Structure formats: C-alpha cells, structure tokens
Amino acid sequence: MTVDLAKYKSYCQPDQKIIISRDVKSDCHHRAENPGKHLVRQYHIDGEVIPDQNTEKCDWMVLNDTEKDAYLIELKGSDIHKAERQIDSTYGIMKSELPDYQFFFRIVYRTGTQRLNDQATIRWKEKCKRQKCDVIIGQKEIKDIIS
C-alpha cells in the first residue's frame, strides 16, 4: 500500500506551537509542543489517510518536517498488544513514504493494563529499538517537545 500525504489535509498550521492528537471517545491524548515553530503537519491516519477497514493502523501521525521526525500515535483503551500491531502496520506503510524520517512510536492508554511489562511488549520494544524507533507508552497523556 502506498500513501500520498499531499492528498490529505494537515490538521495543524505549518508552524503551530501545540498540536493535540485526541480520541473523541476518551480523555487520552498526545501533546506535541513546537516552541521552535518548526514546519509541522498532523494527519488523522485511521479512517482518513488509511481508510481500509481491514488494515490495522494507528490513530494519528505528527510530522516535524524541519527535523525529519515522524510520530505515530495510537490512543487506546487498554489493549497494548493491539496498539503495538497498529503502530507496526502503520510504520510498514509510512517508512517507504518518509524514508529520511526518524520514527517515534507513542501509545497512550486510558486504563491500567497488566501488559505494559509482559514478555510480548518487552520483545516489541526491543524490536523497535533495533529499528532505531523510539517508544513511549503512557497513561492518559504523552507530551513531546518536537522542536
């Protein structure tokens, strides 16, 4: 599958200082702060950029085009393993579209989960590290300074 991001609307202004990626069904969100006013974009991946119902995908992607950073964001209730699969699938699609970008994976969950430190999640984090992708899993909110 290929994706042409130029066909889609960015949900933020090109130099927006704060970019919020939120799930309307919960209070989970990712907050990207851009104090350097770098060139940024925000895309709603699930249902818009990747509309196929049969493809697992994350909810949002925030790009810092100045630094060539791509944040894949999944907002989840408690199923961390499903979130990992959604991030992996989106990464598989986007890495060829953004070959010069460094990827950051963010999973924001709503409720406590026992799976944060199980073997499957530990192995997934190790795999991501080998791919040179940074992973943060957090409850309710994750904040990144992206510039």
Protein backbone atom coordinates (compact mmCIF):
# COMPACT_ATOMS: atom_id res chain seq x y z
CA MET A 1 0.00 0.00 0.00
CA THR A 2 1.24 3.48 -0.82
CA VAL A 3 0.06 6.76 0.61
CA ASP A 4 0.40 10.22 -0.93
CA LEU A 5 0.21 12.59 2.03
CA ALA A 6 -0.14 15.57 -0.32
CA LYS A 7 -3.73 14.42 -0.96
CA TYR A 8 -4.70 14.90 2.69
CA LYS A 9 -5.32 17.90 4.87
CA SER A 10 -3.00 18.58 7.77
CA TYR A 11 -4.94 19.18 10.97
CA CYS A 12 -2.48 21.81 12.21
CA GLN A 13 -0.93 25.03 10.97
CA PRO A 14 2.57 24.73 9.42
CA ASP A 15 4.30 26.32 12.45
CA GLN A 16 1.74 25.51 15.16
CA LYS A 17 3.19 25.68 18.68
CA ILE A 18 0.98 23.00 20.31
CA ILE A 19 -0.51 20.05 18.42
CA ILE A 20 -3.03 17.87 20.24
CA SER A 21 -3.93 14.40 18.93
CA ARG A 22 -7.01 13.27 20.79
CA ASP A 23 -9.51 10.43 20.83
CA VAL A 24 -13.08 11.70 20.93
CA LYS A 25 -14.15 8.54 22.81
CA SER A 26 -11.80 9.06 25.74
CA ASP A 27 -9.63 11.61 27.50
CA CYS A 28 -6.38 10.14 26.14
CA HIS A 29 -4.23 12.48 24.11
CA HIS A 30 -0.77 13.21 22.78
CA ARG A 31 0.59 16.73 23.09
CA ALA A 32 3.35 17.82 20.72
CA GLU A 33 4.99 21.11 21.65
CA ASN A 34 6.77 23.02 18.92
CA PRO A 35 8.42 26.03 20.64
CA GLY A 36 10.91 26.42 17.79
CA LYS A 37 7.99 26.86 15.37
CA HIS A 38 9.37 24.20 13.05
CA LEU A 39 7.46 23.15 9.94
CA VAL A 40 4.94 20.56 11.19
CA ARG A 41 1.98 18.54 9.92
CA GLN A 42 -0.67 16.39 11.63
CA TYR A 43 -2.68 13.64 9.91
CA HIS A 44 -5.62 11.54 11.03
CA ILE A 45 -4.43 8.11 9.88
CA ASP A 46 -7.26 5.80 10.98
CA GLY A 47 -10.19 6.16 8.59
CA GLU A 48 -8.73 9.02 6.56
CA VAL A 49 -5.18 8.55 5.28
CA ILE A 50 -5.61 4.76 5.56
CA PRO A 51 -9.36 4.21 5.15
CA ASP A 52 -9.19 0.42 4.60
CA GLN A 53 -11.15 -1.27 7.41
CA ASN A 54 -9.04 -4.45 7.04
CA THR A 55 -5.71 -2.71 7.63
CA GLU A 56 -4.57 -2.12 11.19
CA LYS A 57 -3.33 1.44 11.63
CA CYS A 58 -2.64 3.98 14.34
CA ASP A 59 -4.84 6.98 15.04
CA TRP A 60 -2.60 9.96 14.30
CA MET A 61 0.74 10.96 12.80
CA VAL A 62 2.59 14.19 13.59
CA LEU A 63 5.49 15.19 11.35
CA ASN A 64 8.26 17.66 12.10
CA ASP A 65 9.45 18.31 8.55
CA THR A 66 12.28 20.56 9.71
CA GLU A 67 13.90 17.80 11.79
CA LYS A 68 12.54 14.89 9.67
CA ASP A 69 10.76 13.28 12.65
CA ALA A 70 7.56 11.22 12.40
CA TYR A 71 5.42 10.46 15.48
CA LEU A 72 2.99 7.55 15.12
CA ILE A 73 0.34 7.87 17.83
CA GLU A 74 -2.15 5.26 19.00
CA LEU A 75 -4.78 6.23 21.57
CA LYS A 76 -6.02 3.06 23.22
CA GLY A 77 -8.30 1.90 26.00
CA SER A 78 -6.15 -0.87 27.46
CA ASP A 79 -5.19 -3.36 24.69
CA ILE A 80 -1.48 -2.56 24.41
CA HIS A 81 -0.75 -5.53 22.12
CA LYS A 82 -3.32 -4.36 19.59
CA ALA A 83 -1.78 -0.87 19.76
CA GLU A 84 1.64 -2.40 19.01
CA ARG A 85 0.23 -4.15 15.92
CA GLN A 86 -1.43 -0.94 14.75
CA ILE A 87 1.83 1.02 15.12
CA ASP A 88 3.80 -1.73 13.32
CA SER A 89 1.36 -1.80 10.42
CA THR A 90 1.38 1.99 10.02
CA TYR A 91 5.18 2.05 10.23
CA GLY A 92 5.35 -0.58 7.47
CA ILE A 93 3.32 1.71 5.22
CA MET A 94 4.85 5.06 6.16
CA LYS A 95 8.57 4.19 6.29
CA SER A 96 8.69 4.00 2.47
CA GLU A 97 6.72 7.26 2.17
CA LEU A 98 9.05 9.03 4.63
CA PRO A 99 12.42 7.33 4.03
CA ASP A 100 14.55 10.10 5.57
CA TYR A 101 12.47 10.39 8.76
CA GLN A 102 13.25 9.14 12.26
CA PHE A 103 10.19 7.40 13.75
CA PHE A 104 8.81 7.78 17.26
CA PHE A 105 6.08 5.41 18.47
CA ARG A 106 3.62 6.67 21.10
CA ILE A 107 0.88 4.60 22.75
CA VAL A 108 -1.42 6.46 25.12
CA TYR A 109 -3.76 4.18 27.08
CA ARG A 110 -6.76 5.04 29.22
CA THR A 111 -6.90 2.37 31.91
CA GLY A 112 -4.35 0.32 33.81
CA THR A 113 -3.04 -2.66 31.93
CA GLN A 114 -1.07 -5.68 33.01
CA ARG A 115 0.61 -5.92 29.61
CA LEU A 116 3.00 -2.99 29.95
CA ASN A 117 5.86 -5.17 31.15
CA ASP A 118 4.95 -8.60 29.78
CA GLN A 119 7.35 -10.51 27.52
CA ALA A 120 5.49 -9.66 24.30
CA THR A 121 5.69 -5.92 24.97
CA ILE A 122 9.33 -6.14 26.05
CA ARG A 123 10.18 -8.01 22.82
CA TRP A 124 8.25 -5.42 20.78
CA LYS A 125 10.16 -2.55 22.41
CA GLU A 126 13.46 -4.35 21.72
CA LYS A 127 12.49 -4.84 18.06
CA CYS A 128 11.62 -1.14 17.79
CA LYS A 129 14.97 -0.21 19.30
CA ARG A 130 16.75 -2.35 16.68
CA GLN A 131 14.79 -0.44 14.02
CA LYS A 132 16.03 2.79 15.66
CA CYS A 133 12.48 3.80 16.62
CA ASP A 134 11.86 5.46 19.97
CA VAL A 135 8.92 4.06 22.02
CA ILE A 136 6.95 5.64 24.85
CA ILE A 137 3.85 4.05 26.37
CA GLY A 138 1.98 6.24 28.83
CA GLN A 139 -1.32 6.60 30.62
CA LYS A 140 -3.79 9.40 29.67
CA GLU A 141 -1.19 11.83 28.16
CA ILE A 142 2.19 11.81 26.49
CA LYS A 143 3.94 15.11 25.89
CA ASP A 144 6.80 15.52 23.41
CA ILE A 145 8.89 18.61 22.71
CA ILE A 146 9.28 18.18 18.96
CA SER A 147 11.48 21.19 18.17
